[in-house]
Amino acid sequence: MAITVYAAAYTVVTSISTVTLYLAYVIPIYLNGRNRRRGRGEYATRATAPWSLGGVGPVVNVIAILWVVVITVVFVLPPNEPVLWMLLLLALALAAYWRLSARHHFIGPAPSR
């Protein structure tokens, strides 16, 4: 927290937090749509979902994905260019962690019965 006292660091931390929060919400939306189109893997249907938007659901999903793309680009453009490099560094660190450790221990979700 102390590093955010510096004004430039504060905007970088805020931008990274915002972008990663949006990505955390949009990744399941994207994966659900992808798996549904492929017809394999796990995905929610109108019958299995807790609630549904009906016929407008796919449109809302596409709008949500496009919004995250736009907001991500906006937050990494100058003067927030350090956000781009920090996000790339974070992605590289997470990929290295997955490759070296987590994939060997992650079991995955329990199969549905």
PDB file of N, CA and C in Angstrom:
ATOM      1  N   MET A   1       0.808  -1.193   0.000  1.00  0.00           N
ATOM      2  CA  MET A   1       0.000   0.000   0.000  1.00  0.00           C
ATOM      3  C   MET A   1       0.854   1.260   0.000  1.00  0.00           C
ATOM      4  N   ALA A   2       2.001   1.177   0.630  1.00  0.00           N
ATOM      5  CA  ALA A   2       2.849   2.358   0.741  1.00  0.00           C
ATOM      6  C   ALA A   2       3.285   2.863  -0.633  1.00  0.00           C
ATOM      7  N   ILE A   3       3.496   1.958  -1.584  1.00  0.00           N
ATOM      8  CA  ILE A   3       3.955   2.379  -2.909  1.00  0.00           C
ATOM      9  C   ILE A   3       2.897   3.203  -3.641  1.00  0.00           C
ATOM     10  N   THR A   4       1.628   3.032  -3.302  1.00  0.00           N
ATOM     11  CA  THR A   4       0.578   3.773  -3.995  1.00  0.00           C
ATOM     12  C   THR A   4       0.495   5.236  -3.565  1.00  0.00           C
ATOM     13  N   VAL A   5       1.266   5.628  -2.567  1.00  0.00           N
ATOM     14  CA  VAL A   5       1.301   7.038  -2.165  1.00  0.00           C
ATOM     15  C   VAL A   5       1.854   7.880  -3.307  1.00  0.00           C
ATOM     16  N   TYR A   6       2.799   7.333  -4.031  1.00  0.00           N
ATOM     17  CA  TYR A   6       3.351   8.017  -5.194  1.00  0.00           C
ATOM     18  C   TYR A   6       2.262   8.063  -6.267  1.00  0.00           C
ATOM     19  N   ALA A   7       1.956   9.228  -6.785  1.00  0.00           N
ATOM     20  CA  ALA A   7       0.805   9.442  -7.662  1.00  0.00           C
ATOM     21  C   ALA A   7       0.818   8.551  -8.904  1.00  0.00           C
ATOM     22  N   ALA A   8       1.962   8.393  -9.552  1.00  0.00           N
ATOM     23  CA  ALA A   8       2.027   7.580 -10.766  1.00  0.00           C
ATOM     24  C   ALA A   8       1.751   6.117 -10.448  1.00  0.00           C
ATOM     25  N   ALA A   9       2.244   5.647  -9.326  1.00  0.00           N
ATOM     26  CA  ALA A   9       2.010   4.254  -8.939  1.00  0.00           C
ATOM     27  C   ALA A   9       0.541   4.029  -8.620  1.00  0.00           C
ATOM     28  N   TYR A  10      -0.105   5.026  -8.071  1.00  0.00           N
ATOM     29  CA  TYR A  10      -1.520   4.890  -7.728  1.00  0.00           C
ATOM     30  C   TYR A  10      -2.355   4.632  -8.974  1.00  0.00           C
ATOM     31  N   THR A  11      -2.122   5.369 -10.044  1.00  0.00           N
ATOM     32  CA  THR A  11      -2.900   5.165 -11.265  1.00  0.00           C
ATOM     33  C   THR A  11      -2.595   3.811 -11.900  1.00  0.00           C
ATOM     34  N   VAL A  12      -1.348   3.370 -11.811  1.00  0.00           N
ATOM     35  CA  VAL A  12      -0.988   2.058 -12.352  1.00  0.00           C
ATOM     36  C   VAL A  12      -1.693   0.959 -11.572  1.00  0.00           C
ATOM     37  N   VAL A  13      -1.651   1.020 -10.261  1.00  0.00           N
ATOM     38  CA  VAL A  13      -2.296   0.001  -9.424  1.00  0.00           C
ATOM     39  C   VAL A  13      -3.804  -0.006  -9.653  1.00  0.00           C
ATOM     40  N   THR A  14      -4.406   1.164  -9.743  1.00  0.00           N
ATOM     41  CA  THR A  14      -5.845   1.255  -9.979  1.00  0.00           C
ATOM     42  C   THR A  14      -6.213   0.683 -11.346  1.00  0.00           C
ATOM     43  N   SER A  15      -5.438   1.017 -12.367  1.00  0.00           N
ATOM     44  CA  SER A  15      -5.718   0.506 -13.707  1.00  0.00           C
ATOM     45  C   SER A  15      -5.553  -1.005 -13.778  1.00  0.00           C
ATOM     46  N   ILE A  16      -4.484  -1.527 -13.193  1.00  0.00           N
ATOM     47  CA  ILE A  16      -4.271  -2.975 -13.197  1.00  0.00           C
ATOM     48  C   ILE A  16      -5.397  -3.675 -12.454  1.00  0.00           C
ATOM     49  N   SER A  17      -5.810  -3.130 -11.331  1.00  0.00           N
ATOM     50  CA  SER A  17      -6.896  -3.734 -10.561  1.00  0.00           C
ATOM     51  C   SER A  17      -8.194  -3.742 -11.363  1.00  0.00           C
ATOM     52  N   THR A  18      -8.473  -2.665 -12.053  1.00  0.00           N
ATOM     53  CA  THR A  18      -9.690  -2.578 -12.850  1.00  0.00           C
ATOM     54  C   THR A  18      -9.660  -3.563 -14.013  1.00  0.00           C
ATOM     55  N   VAL A  19      -8.564  -3.593 -14.739  1.00  0.00           N
ATOM     56  CA  VAL A  19      -8.454  -4.486 -15.892  1.00  0.00           C
ATOM     57  C   VAL A  19      -8.552  -5.947 -15.455  1.00  0.00           C
ATOM     58  N   THR A  20      -7.847  -6.327 -14.403  1.00  0.00           N
ATOM     59  CA  THR A  20      -7.892  -7.731 -13.976  1.00  0.00           C
ATOM     60  C   THR A  20      -9.260  -8.104 -13.414  1.00  0.00           C
ATOM     61  N   LEU A  21      -9.947  -7.157 -12.785  1.00  0.00           N
ATOM     62  CA  LEU A  21     -11.308  -7.429 -12.317  1.00  0.00           C
ATOM     63  C   LEU A  21     -12.233  -7.682 -13.498  1.00  0.00           C
ATOM     64  N   TYR A  22     -12.157  -6.848 -14.526  1.00  0.00           N
ATOM     65  CA  TYR A  22     -12.963  -7.065 -15.721  1.00  0.00           C
ATOM     66  C   TYR A  22     -12.618  -8.397 -16.381  1.00  0.00           C
ATOM     67  N   LEU A  23     -11.335  -8.725 -16.461  1.00  0.00           N
ATOM     68  CA  LEU A  23     -10.934 -10.001 -17.067  1.00  0.00           C
ATOM     69  C   LEU A  23     -11.463 -11.188 -16.269  1.00  0.00           C
ATOM     70  N   ALA A  24     -11.469 -11.068 -14.945  1.00  0.00           N
ATOM     71  CA  ALA A  24     -11.982 -12.154 -14.104  1.00  0.00           C
ATOM     72  C   ALA A  24     -13.464 -12.397 -14.366  1.00  0.00           C
ATOM     73  N   TYR A  25     -14.200 -11.358 -14.683  1.00  0.00           N
ATOM     74  CA  TYR A  25     -15.625 -11.521 -14.997  1.00  0.00           C
ATOM     75  C   TYR A  25     -15.858 -12.022 -16.411  1.00  0.00           C
ATOM     76  N   VAL A  26     -15.028 -11.623 -17.364  1.00  0.00           N
ATOM     77  CA  VAL A  26     -15.306 -11.953 -18.758  1.00  0.00           C
ATOM     78  C   VAL A  26     -14.765 -13.327 -19.166  1.00  0.00           C
ATOM     79  N   ILE A  27     -13.767 -13.837 -18.505  1.00  0.00           N
ATOM     80  CA  ILE A  27     -13.210 -15.147 -18.878  1.00  0.00           C
ATOM     81  C   ILE A  27     -14.262 -16.249 -18.798  1.00  0.00           C
ATOM     82  N   PRO A  28     -15.051 -16.362 -17.705  1.00  0.00           N
ATOM     83  CA  PRO A  28     -16.098 -17.400 -17.699  1.00  0.00           C
ATOM     84  C   PRO A  28     -17.172 -17.181 -18.768  1.00  0.00           C
ATOM     85  N   ILE A  29     -17.494 -15.926 -19.069  1.00  0.00           N
ATOM     86  CA  ILE A  29     -18.473 -15.644 -20.119  1.00  0.00           C
ATOM     87  C   ILE A  29     -17.952 -16.152 -21.455  1.00  0.00           C
ATOM     88  N   TYR A  30     -16.698 -15.849 -21.744  1.00  0.00           N
ATOM     89  CA  TYR A  30     -16.091 -16.293 -22.998  1.00  0.00           C
ATOM     90  C   TYR A  30     -16.013 -17.826 -23.067  1.00  0.00           C
ATOM     91  N   LEU A  31     -15.544 -18.459 -21.991  1.00  0.00           N
ATOM     92  CA  LEU A  31     -15.385 -19.918 -22.004  1.00  0.00           C
ATOM     93  C   LEU A  31     -16.726 -20.628 -22.122  1.00  0.00           C
ATOM     94  N   ASN A  32     -17.766 -20.112 -21.468  1.00  0.00           N
ATOM     95  CA  ASN A  32     -19.090 -20.709 -21.576  1.00  0.00           C
ATOM     96  C   ASN A  32     -19.594 -20.634 -23.021  1.00  0.00           C
ATOM     97  N   GLY A  33     -19.423 -19.481 -23.650  1.00  0.00           N
ATOM     98  CA  GLY A  33     -19.842 -19.332 -25.041  1.00  0.00           C
ATOM     99  C   GLY A  33     -19.040 -20.213 -25.979  1.00  0.00           C
ATOM    100  N   ARG A  34     -17.749 -20.276 -25.755  1.00  0.00           N
ATOM    101  CA  ARG A  34     -16.887 -21.121 -26.594  1.00  0.00           C
ATOM    102  C   ARG A  34     -17.265 -22.587 -26.475  1.00  0.00           C
ATOM    103  N   ASN A  35     -17.452 -23.068 -25.248  1.00  0.00           N
ATOM    104  CA  ASN A  35     -17.806 -24.468 -25.052  1.00  0.00           C
ATOM    105  C   ASN A  35     -19.184 -24.781 -25.623  1.00  0.00           C
ATOM    106  N   ARG A  36     -20.118 -23.840 -25.516  1.00  0.00           N
ATOM    107  CA  ARG A  36     -21.446 -24.052 -26.080  1.00  0.00           C
ATOM    108  C   ARG A  36     -21.371 -24.156 -27.595  1.00  0.00           C
ATOM    109  N   ARG A  37     -20.585 -23.278 -28.245  1.00  0.00           N
ATOM    110  CA  ARG A  37     -20.444 -23.335 -29.706  1.00  0.00           C
ATOM    111  C   ARG A  37     -19.790 -24.632 -30.150  1.00  0.00           C
ATOM    112  N   ARG A  38     -18.809 -25.099 -29.395  1.00  0.00           N
ATOM    113  CA  ARG A  38     -18.117 -26.347 -29.743  1.00  0.00           C
ATOM    114  C   ARG A  38     -18.967 -27.571 -29.449  1.00  0.00           C
ATOM    115  N   GLY A  39     -19.895 -27.423 -28.514  1.00  0.00           N
ATOM    116  CA  GLY A  39     -20.739 -28.557 -28.132  1.00  0.00           C
ATOM    117  C   GLY A  39     -20.020 -29.555 -27.260  1.00  0.00           C
ATOM    118  N   ARG A  40     -18.971 -29.147 -26.613  1.00  0.00           N
ATOM    119  CA  ARG A  40     -18.247 -30.043 -25.697  1.00  0.00           C
ATOM    120  C   ARG A  40     -17.693 -29.234 -24.545  1.00  0.00           C
ATOM    121  N   GLY A  41     -17.285 -29.918 -23.509  1.00  0.00           N
ATOM    122  CA  GLY A  41     -16.817 -29.233 -22.322  1.00  0.00           C
ATOM    123  C   GLY A  41     -18.001 -28.854 -21.442  1.00  0.00           C
ATOM    124  N   GLU A  42     -17.706 -28.145 -20.388  1.00  0.00           N
ATOM    125  CA  GLU A  42     -18.743 -27.719 -19.459  1.00  0.00           C
ATOM    126  C   GLU A  42     -19.292 -26.367 -19.869  1.00  0.00           C
ATOM    127  N   TYR A  43     -20.615 -26.239 -19.897  1.00  0.00           N
ATOM    128  CA  TYR A  43     -21.235 -24.947 -20.163  1.00  0.00           C
ATOM    129  C   TYR A  43     -22.646 -24.937 -19.593  1.00  0.00           C
ATOM    130  N   ALA A  44     -23.120 -23.750 -19.291  1.00  0.00           N
ATOM    131  CA  ALA A  44     -24.457 -23.590 -18.727  1.00  0.00           C
ATOM    132  C   ALA A  44     -25.471 -23.434 -19.856  1.00  0.00           C
ATOM    133  N   THR A  45     -26.609 -24.081 -19.692  1.00  0.00           N
ATOM    134  CA  THR A  45     -27.719 -23.924 -20.620  1.00  0.00           C
ATOM    135  C   THR A  45     -28.854 -23.217 -19.885  1.00  0.00           C
ATOM    136  N   ARG A  46     -29.905 -22.863 -20.605  1.00  0.00           N
ATOM    137  CA  ARG A  46     -31.043 -22.227 -19.942  1.00  0.00           C
ATOM    138  C   ARG A  46     -31.639 -23.134 -18.878  1.00  0.00           C
ATOM    139  N   ALA A  47     -31.585 -24.443 -19.107  1.00  0.00           N
ATOM    140  CA  ALA A  47     -32.156 -25.397 -18.154  1.00  0.00           C
ATOM    141  C   ALA A  47     -31.284 -25.558 -16.906  1.00  0.00           C
ATOM    142  N   THR A  48     -29.970 -25.447 -17.056  1.00  0.00           N
ATOM    143  CA  THR A  48     -29.079 -25.692 -15.916  1.00  0.00           C
ATOM    144  C   THR A  48     -28.633 -24.423 -15.207  1.00  0.00           C
ATOM    145  N   ALA A  49     -28.814 -23.269 -15.840  1.00  0.00           N
ATOM    146  CA  ALA A  49     -28.383 -22.008 -15.232  1.00  0.00           C
ATOM    147  C   ALA A  49     -29.363 -21.584 -14.134  1.00  0.00           C
ATOM    148  N   PRO A  50     -28.863 -20.916 -13.096  1.00  0.00           N
ATOM    149  CA  PRO A  50     -29.758 -20.444 -12.036  1.00  0.00           C
ATOM    150  C   PRO A  50     -30.790 -19.437 -12.546  1.00  0.00           C
ATOM    151  N   TRP A  51     -30.439 -18.670 -13.572  1.00  0.00           N
ATOM    152  CA  TRP A  51     -31.360 -17.729 -14.211  1.00  0.00           C
ATOM    153  C   TRP A  51     -30.868 -17.486 -15.629  1.00  0.00           C
ATOM    154  N   SER A  52     -31.736 -16.937 -16.462  1.00  0.00           N
ATOM    155  CA  SER A  52     -31.395 -16.775 -17.867  1.00  0.00           C
ATOM    156  C   SER A  52     -31.917 -15.439 -18.390  1.00  0.00           C
ATOM    157  N   LEU A  53     -31.200 -14.866 -19.332  1.00  0.00           N
ATOM    158  CA  LEU A  53     -31.645 -13.658 -20.016  1.00  0.00           C
ATOM    159  C   LEU A  53     -32.464 -13.995 -21.255  1.00  0.00           C
ATOM    160  N   GLY A  54     -32.671 -15.268 -21.485  1.00  0.00           N
ATOM    161  CA  GLY A  54     -33.449 -15.695 -22.650  1.00  0.00           C
ATOM    162  C   GLY A  54     -32.670 -15.475 -23.936  1.00  0.00           C
ATOM    163  N   GLY A  55     -33.383 -14.997 -24.950  1.00  0.00           N
ATOM    164  CA  GLY A  55     -32.778 -14.806 -26.269  1.00  0.00           C
ATOM    165  C   GLY A  55     -31.772 -13.683 -26.342  1.00  0.00           C
ATOM    166  N   VAL A  56     -31.816 -12.732 -25.390  1.00  0.00           N
ATOM    167  CA  VAL A  56     -30.854 -11.626 -25.431  1.00  0.00           C
ATOM    168  C   VAL A  56     -29.540 -11.978 -24.741  1.00  0.00           C
ATOM    169  N   GLY A  57     -29.467 -13.135 -24.100  1.00  0.00           N
ATOM    170  CA  GLY A  57     -28.257 -13.550 -23.383  1.00  0.00           C
ATOM    171  C   GLY A  57     -27.000 -13.536 -24.234  1.00  0.00           C
ATOM    172  N   PRO A  58     -27.014 -14.177 -25.411  1.00  0.00           N
ATOM    173  CA  PRO A  58     -25.818 -14.150 -26.255  1.00  0.00           C
ATOM    174  C   PRO A  58     -25.413 -12.743 -26.679  1.00  0.00           C
ATOM    175  N   VAL A  59     -26.380 -11.876 -26.922  1.00  0.00           N
ATOM    176  CA  VAL A  59     -26.076 -10.488 -27.303  1.00  0.00           C
ATOM    177  C   VAL A  59     -25.408  -9.764 -26.139  1.00  0.00           C
ATOM    178  N   VAL A  60     -25.934  -9.950 -24.948  1.00  0.00           N
ATOM    179  CA  VAL A  60     -25.344  -9.327 -23.762  1.00  0.00           C
ATOM    180  C   VAL A  60     -23.921  -9.852 -23.540  1.00  0.00           C
ATOM    181  N   ASN A  61     -23.708 -11.142 -23.776  1.00  0.00           N
ATOM    182  CA  ASN A  61     -22.368 -11.720 -23.628  1.00  0.00           C
ATOM    183  C   ASN A  61     -21.376 -11.090 -24.601  1.00  0.00           C
ATOM    184  N   VAL A  62     -21.771 -10.924 -25.845  1.00  0.00           N
ATOM    185  CA  VAL A  62     -20.890 -10.308 -26.842  1.00  0.00           C
ATOM    186  C   VAL A  62     -20.590  -8.858 -26.462  1.00  0.00           C
ATOM    187  N   ILE A  63     -21.604  -8.129 -26.019  1.00  0.00           N
ATOM    188  CA  ILE A  63     -21.393  -6.741 -25.590  1.00  0.00           C
ATOM    189  C   ILE A  63     -20.428  -6.689 -24.411  1.00  0.00           C
ATOM    190  N   ALA A  64     -20.577  -7.610 -23.457  1.00  0.00           N
ATOM    191  CA  ALA A  64     -19.687  -7.651 -22.289  1.00  0.00           C
ATOM    192  C   ALA A  64     -18.245  -7.916 -22.712  1.00  0.00           C
ATOM    193  N   ILE A  65     -18.046  -8.851 -23.624  1.00  0.00           N
ATOM    194  CA  ILE A  65     -16.692  -9.170 -24.086  1.00  0.00           C
ATOM    195  C   ILE A  65     -16.084  -7.971 -24.822  1.00  0.00           C
ATOM    196  N   LEU A  66     -16.869  -7.338 -25.693  1.00  0.00           N
ATOM    197  CA  LEU A  66     -16.363  -6.160 -26.407  1.00  0.00           C
ATOM    198  C   LEU A  66     -16.038  -5.024 -25.451  1.00  0.00           C
ATOM    199  N   TRP A  67     -16.859  -4.833 -24.432  1.00  0.00           N
ATOM    200  CA  TRP A  67     -16.601  -3.778 -23.455  1.00  0.00           C
ATOM    201  C   TRP A  67     -15.271  -4.025 -22.737  1.00  0.00           C
ATOM    202  N   VAL A  68     -15.004  -5.258 -22.352  1.00  0.00           N
ATOM    203  CA  VAL A  68     -13.751  -5.558 -21.660  1.00  0.00           C
ATOM    204  C   VAL A  68     -12.559  -5.316 -22.581  1.00  0.00           C
ATOM    205  N   VAL A  69     -12.694  -5.646 -23.847  1.00  0.00           N
ATOM    206  CA  VAL A  69     -11.612  -5.362 -24.802  1.00  0.00           C
ATOM    207  C   VAL A  69     -11.369  -3.857 -24.870  1.00  0.00           C
ATOM    208  N   VAL A  70     -12.430  -3.076 -24.990  1.00  0.00           N
ATOM    209  CA  VAL A  70     -12.297  -1.620 -25.079  1.00  0.00           C
ATOM    210  C   VAL A  70     -11.679  -1.051 -23.813  1.00  0.00           C
ATOM    211  N   ILE A  71     -12.195  -1.434 -22.664  1.00  0.00           N
ATOM    212  CA  ILE A  71     -11.706  -0.860 -21.405  1.00  0.00           C
ATOM    213  C   ILE A  71     -10.252  -1.271 -21.145  1.00  0.00           C
ATOM    214  N   THR A  72      -9.864  -2.466 -21.573  1.00  0.00           N
ATOM    215  CA  THR A  72      -8.478  -2.906 -21.408  1.00  0.00           C
ATOM    216  C   THR A  72      -7.558  -2.045 -22.266  1.00  0.00           C
ATOM    217  N   VAL A  73      -7.950  -1.797 -23.506  1.00  0.00           N
ATOM    218  CA  VAL A  73      -7.134  -0.948 -24.394  1.00  0.00           C
ATOM    219  C   VAL A  73      -7.030   0.465 -23.821  1.00  0.00           C
ATOM    220  N   VAL A  74      -8.135   0.998 -23.339  1.00  0.00           N
ATOM    221  CA  VAL A  74      -8.123   2.353 -22.783  1.00  0.00           C
ATOM    222  C   VAL A  74      -7.172   2.451 -21.596  1.00  0.00           C
ATOM    223  N   PHE A  75      -7.172   1.438 -20.728  1.00  0.00           N
ATOM    224  CA  PHE A  75      -6.346   1.506 -19.527  1.00  0.00           C
ATOM    225  C   PHE A  75      -4.864   1.229 -19.774  1.00  0.00           C
ATOM    226  N   VAL A  76      -4.506   0.714 -20.943  1.00  0.00           N
ATOM    227  CA  VAL A  76      -3.081   0.484 -21.206  1.00  0.00           C
ATOM    228  C   VAL A  76      -2.489   1.496 -22.178  1.00  0.00           C
ATOM    229  N   LEU A  77      -3.305   2.401 -22.706  1.00  0.00           N
ATOM    230  CA  LEU A  77      -2.790   3.454 -23.577  1.00  0.00           C
ATOM    231  C   LEU A  77      -2.077   4.517 -22.749  1.00  0.00           C
ATOM    232  N   PRO A  78      -1.149   5.236 -23.356  1.00  0.00           N
ATOM    233  CA  PRO A  78      -0.509   6.334 -22.622  1.00  0.00           C
ATOM    234  C   PRO A  78      -1.558   7.322 -22.140  1.00  0.00           C
ATOM    235  N   PRO A  79      -1.419   7.888 -20.979  1.00  0.00           N
ATOM    236  CA  PRO A  79      -0.269   7.906 -20.081  1.00  0.00           C
ATOM    237  C   PRO A  79      -0.192   6.701 -19.155  1.00  0.00           C
ATOM    238  N   ASN A  80      -1.048   5.700 -19.349  1.00  0.00           N
ATOM    239  CA  ASN A  80      -1.033   4.519 -18.488  1.00  0.00           C
ATOM    240  C   ASN A  80      -0.216   3.381 -19.082  1.00  0.00           C
ATOM    241  N   GLU A  81       0.742   3.686 -19.906  1.00  0.00           N
ATOM    242  CA  GLU A  81       1.555   2.653 -20.554  1.00  0.00           C
ATOM    243  C   GLU A  81       2.239   1.708 -19.567  1.00  0.00           C
ATOM    244  N   PRO A  82       2.655   2.152 -18.383  1.00  0.00           N
ATOM    245  CA  PRO A  82       3.232   1.190 -17.430  1.00  0.00           C
ATOM    246  C   PRO A  82       2.275   0.052 -17.072  1.00  0.00           C
ATOM    247  N   VAL A  83       0.975   0.297 -17.197  1.00  0.00           N
ATOM    248  CA  VAL A  83      -0.006  -0.750 -16.919  1.00  0.00           C
ATOM    249  C   VAL A  83       0.176  -1.906 -17.895  1.00  0.00           C
ATOM    250  N   LEU A  84       0.409  -1.598 -19.159  1.00  0.00           N
ATOM    251  CA  LEU A  84       0.630  -2.643 -20.159  1.00  0.00           C
ATOM    252  C   LEU A  84       1.794  -3.531 -19.759  1.00  0.00           C
ATOM    253  N   TRP A  85       2.896  -2.940 -19.384  1.00  0.00           N
ATOM    254  CA  TRP A  85       4.084  -3.722 -19.037  1.00  0.00           C
ATOM    255  C   TRP A  85       3.876  -4.501 -17.745  1.00  0.00           C
ATOM    256  N   MET A  86       3.163  -3.913 -16.791  1.00  0.00           N
ATOM    257  CA  MET A  86       2.889  -4.631 -15.540  1.00  0.00           C
ATOM    258  C   MET A  86       1.934  -5.802 -15.782  1.00  0.00           C
ATOM    259  N   LEU A  87       0.934  -5.608 -16.644  1.00  0.00           N
ATOM    260  CA  LEU A  87       0.020  -6.711 -16.967  1.00  0.00           C
ATOM    261  C   LEU A  87       0.747  -7.834 -17.699  1.00  0.00           C
ATOM    262  N   LEU A  88       1.627  -7.472 -18.625  1.00  0.00           N
ATOM    263  CA  LEU A  88       2.399  -8.492 -19.331  1.00  0.00           C
ATOM    264  C   LEU A  88       3.331  -9.240 -18.376  1.00  0.00           C
ATOM    265  N   LEU A  89       3.944  -8.515 -17.458  1.00  0.00           N
ATOM    266  CA  LEU A  89       4.802  -9.144 -16.456  1.00  0.00           C
ATOM    267  C   LEU A  89       3.993 -10.063 -15.546  1.00  0.00           C
ATOM    268  N   LEU A  90       2.822  -9.618 -15.130  1.00  0.00           N
ATOM    269  CA  LEU A  90       1.937 -10.439 -14.305  1.00  0.00           C
ATOM    270  C   LEU A  90       1.509 -11.696 -15.056  1.00  0.00           C
ATOM    271  N   ALA A  91       1.132 -11.558 -16.330  1.00  0.00           N
ATOM    272  CA  ALA A  91       0.735 -12.709 -17.138  1.00  0.00           C
ATOM    273  C   ALA A  91       1.901 -13.691 -17.293  1.00  0.00           C
ATOM    274  N   LEU A  92       3.095 -13.188 -17.504  1.00  0.00           N
ATOM    275  CA  LEU A  92       4.275 -14.037 -17.630  1.00  0.00           C
ATOM    276  C   LEU A  92       4.557 -14.771 -16.320  1.00  0.00           C
ATOM    277  N   ALA A  93       4.447 -14.070 -15.198  1.00  0.00           N
ATOM    278  CA  ALA A  93       4.673 -14.699 -13.890  1.00  0.00           C
ATOM    279  C   ALA A  93       3.635 -15.778 -13.614  1.00  0.00           C
ATOM    280  N   LEU A  94       2.372 -15.517 -13.938  1.00  0.00           N
ATOM    281  CA  LEU A  94       1.329 -16.525 -13.724  1.00  0.00           C
ATOM    282  C   LEU A  94       1.518 -17.726 -14.645  1.00  0.00           C
ATOM    283  N   ALA A  95       1.919 -17.486 -15.889  1.00  0.00           N
ATOM    284  CA  ALA A  95       2.173 -18.596 -16.815  1.00  0.00           C
ATOM    285  C   ALA A  95       3.342 -19.452 -16.318  1.00  0.00           C
ATOM    286  N   ALA A  96       4.382 -18.808 -15.824  1.00  0.00           N
ATOM    287  CA  ALA A  96       5.524 -19.556 -15.292  1.00  0.00           C
ATOM    288  C   ALA A  96       5.119 -20.359 -14.060  1.00  0.00           C
ATOM    289  N   TYR A  97       4.310 -19.762 -13.188  1.00  0.00           N
ATOM    290  CA  TYR A  97       3.830 -20.473 -12.002  1.00  0.00           C
ATOM    291  C   TYR A  97       3.002 -21.690 -12.406  1.00  0.00           C
ATOM    292  N   TRP A  98       2.118 -21.535 -13.398  1.00  0.00           N
ATOM    293  CA  TRP A  98       1.301 -22.658 -13.854  1.00  0.00           C
ATOM    294  C   TRP A  98       2.190 -23.746 -14.452  1.00  0.00           C
ATOM    295  N   ARG A  99       3.117 -23.343 -15.301  1.00  0.00           N
ATOM    296  CA  ARG A  99       3.977 -24.307 -16.005  1.00  0.00           C
ATOM    297  C   ARG A  99       4.879 -25.084 -15.045  1.00  0.00           C
ATOM    298  N   LEU A 100       5.422 -24.394 -14.041  1.00  0.00           N
ATOM    299  CA  LEU A 100       6.400 -25.014 -13.150  1.00  0.00           C
ATOM    300  C   LEU A 100       5.785 -25.722 -11.943  1.00  0.00           C
ATOM    301  N   SER A 101       4.594 -25.294 -11.507  1.00  0.00           N
ATOM    302  CA  SER A 101       4.080 -25.845 -10.260  1.00  0.00           C
ATOM    303  C   SER A 101       2.608 -26.245 -10.306  1.00  0.00           C
ATOM    304  N   ALA A 102       1.734 -25.317 -10.554  1.00  0.00           N
ATOM    305  CA  ALA A 102       0.302 -25.534 -10.337  1.00  0.00           C
ATOM    306  C   ALA A 102      -0.277 -26.653 -11.188  1.00  0.00           C
ATOM    307  N   ARG A 103       0.133 -26.802 -12.423  1.00  0.00           N
ATOM    308  CA  ARG A 103      -0.472 -27.819 -13.287  1.00  0.00           C
ATOM    309  C   ARG A 103      -0.180 -29.237 -12.805  1.00  0.00           C
ATOM    310  N   HIS A 104       0.854 -29.393 -12.001  1.00  0.00           N
ATOM    311  CA  HIS A 104       1.186 -30.710 -11.481  1.00  0.00           C
ATOM    312  C   HIS A 104       0.330 -31.078 -10.273  1.00  0.00           C
ATOM    313  N   HIS A 105      -0.283 -30.085  -9.639  1.00  0.00           N
ATOM    314  CA  HIS A 105      -1.051 -30.323  -8.424  1.00  0.00           C
ATOM    315  C   HIS A 105      -2.547 -30.087  -8.583  1.00  0.00           C
ATOM    316  N   PHE A 106      -2.955 -29.396  -9.648  1.00  0.00           N
ATOM    317  CA  PHE A 106      -4.359 -29.054  -9.843  1.00  0.00           C
ATOM    318  C   PHE A 106      -5.120 -30.265 -10.366  1.00  0.00           C
ATOM    319  N   ILE A 107      -6.148 -30.663  -9.630  1.00  0.00           N
ATOM    320  CA  ILE A 107      -6.931 -31.847 -10.002  1.00  0.00           C
ATOM    321  C   ILE A 107      -8.079 -31.470 -10.937  1.00  0.00           C
ATOM    322  N   GLY A 108      -8.645 -30.299 -10.726  1.00  0.00           N
ATOM    323  CA  GLY A 108      -9.759 -29.851 -11.553  1.00  0.00           C
ATOM    324  C   GLY A 108     -11.077 -30.115 -10.846  1.00  0.00           C
ATOM    325  N   PRO A 109     -12.183 -29.720 -11.490  1.00  0.00           N
ATOM    326  CA  PRO A 109     -13.483 -29.932 -10.855  1.00  0.00           C
ATOM    327  C   PRO A 109     -13.865 -31.402 -10.849  1.00  0.00           C
ATOM    328  N   ALA A 110     -14.699 -31.764  -9.890  1.00  0.00           N
ATOM    329  CA  ALA A 110     -15.181 -33.141  -9.808  1.00  0.00           C
ATOM    330  C   ALA A 110     -16.124 -33.397 -10.975  1.00  0.00           C
ATOM    331  N   PRO A 111     -16.054 -34.574 -11.577  1.00  0.00           N
ATOM    332  CA  PRO A 111     -16.957 -34.869 -12.696  1.00  0.00           C
ATOM    333  C   PRO A 111     -18.406 -34.897 -12.208  1.00  0.00           C
ATOM    334  N   SER A 112     -19.319 -34.372 -13.030  1.00  0.00           N
ATOM    335  CA  SER A 112     -20.741 -34.381 -12.652  1.00  0.00           C
ATOM    336  C   SER A 112     -21.302 -35.777 -12.815  1.00  0.00           C
ATOM    337  N   ARG A 113     -22.274 -36.074 -11.983  1.00  0.00           N
ATOM    338  CA  ARG A 113     -22.856 -37.427 -12.026  1.00  0.00           C
ATOM    339  C   ARG A 113     -24.174 -37.444 -12.689  1.00  0.00           C
TER     340      ARG A 113
END
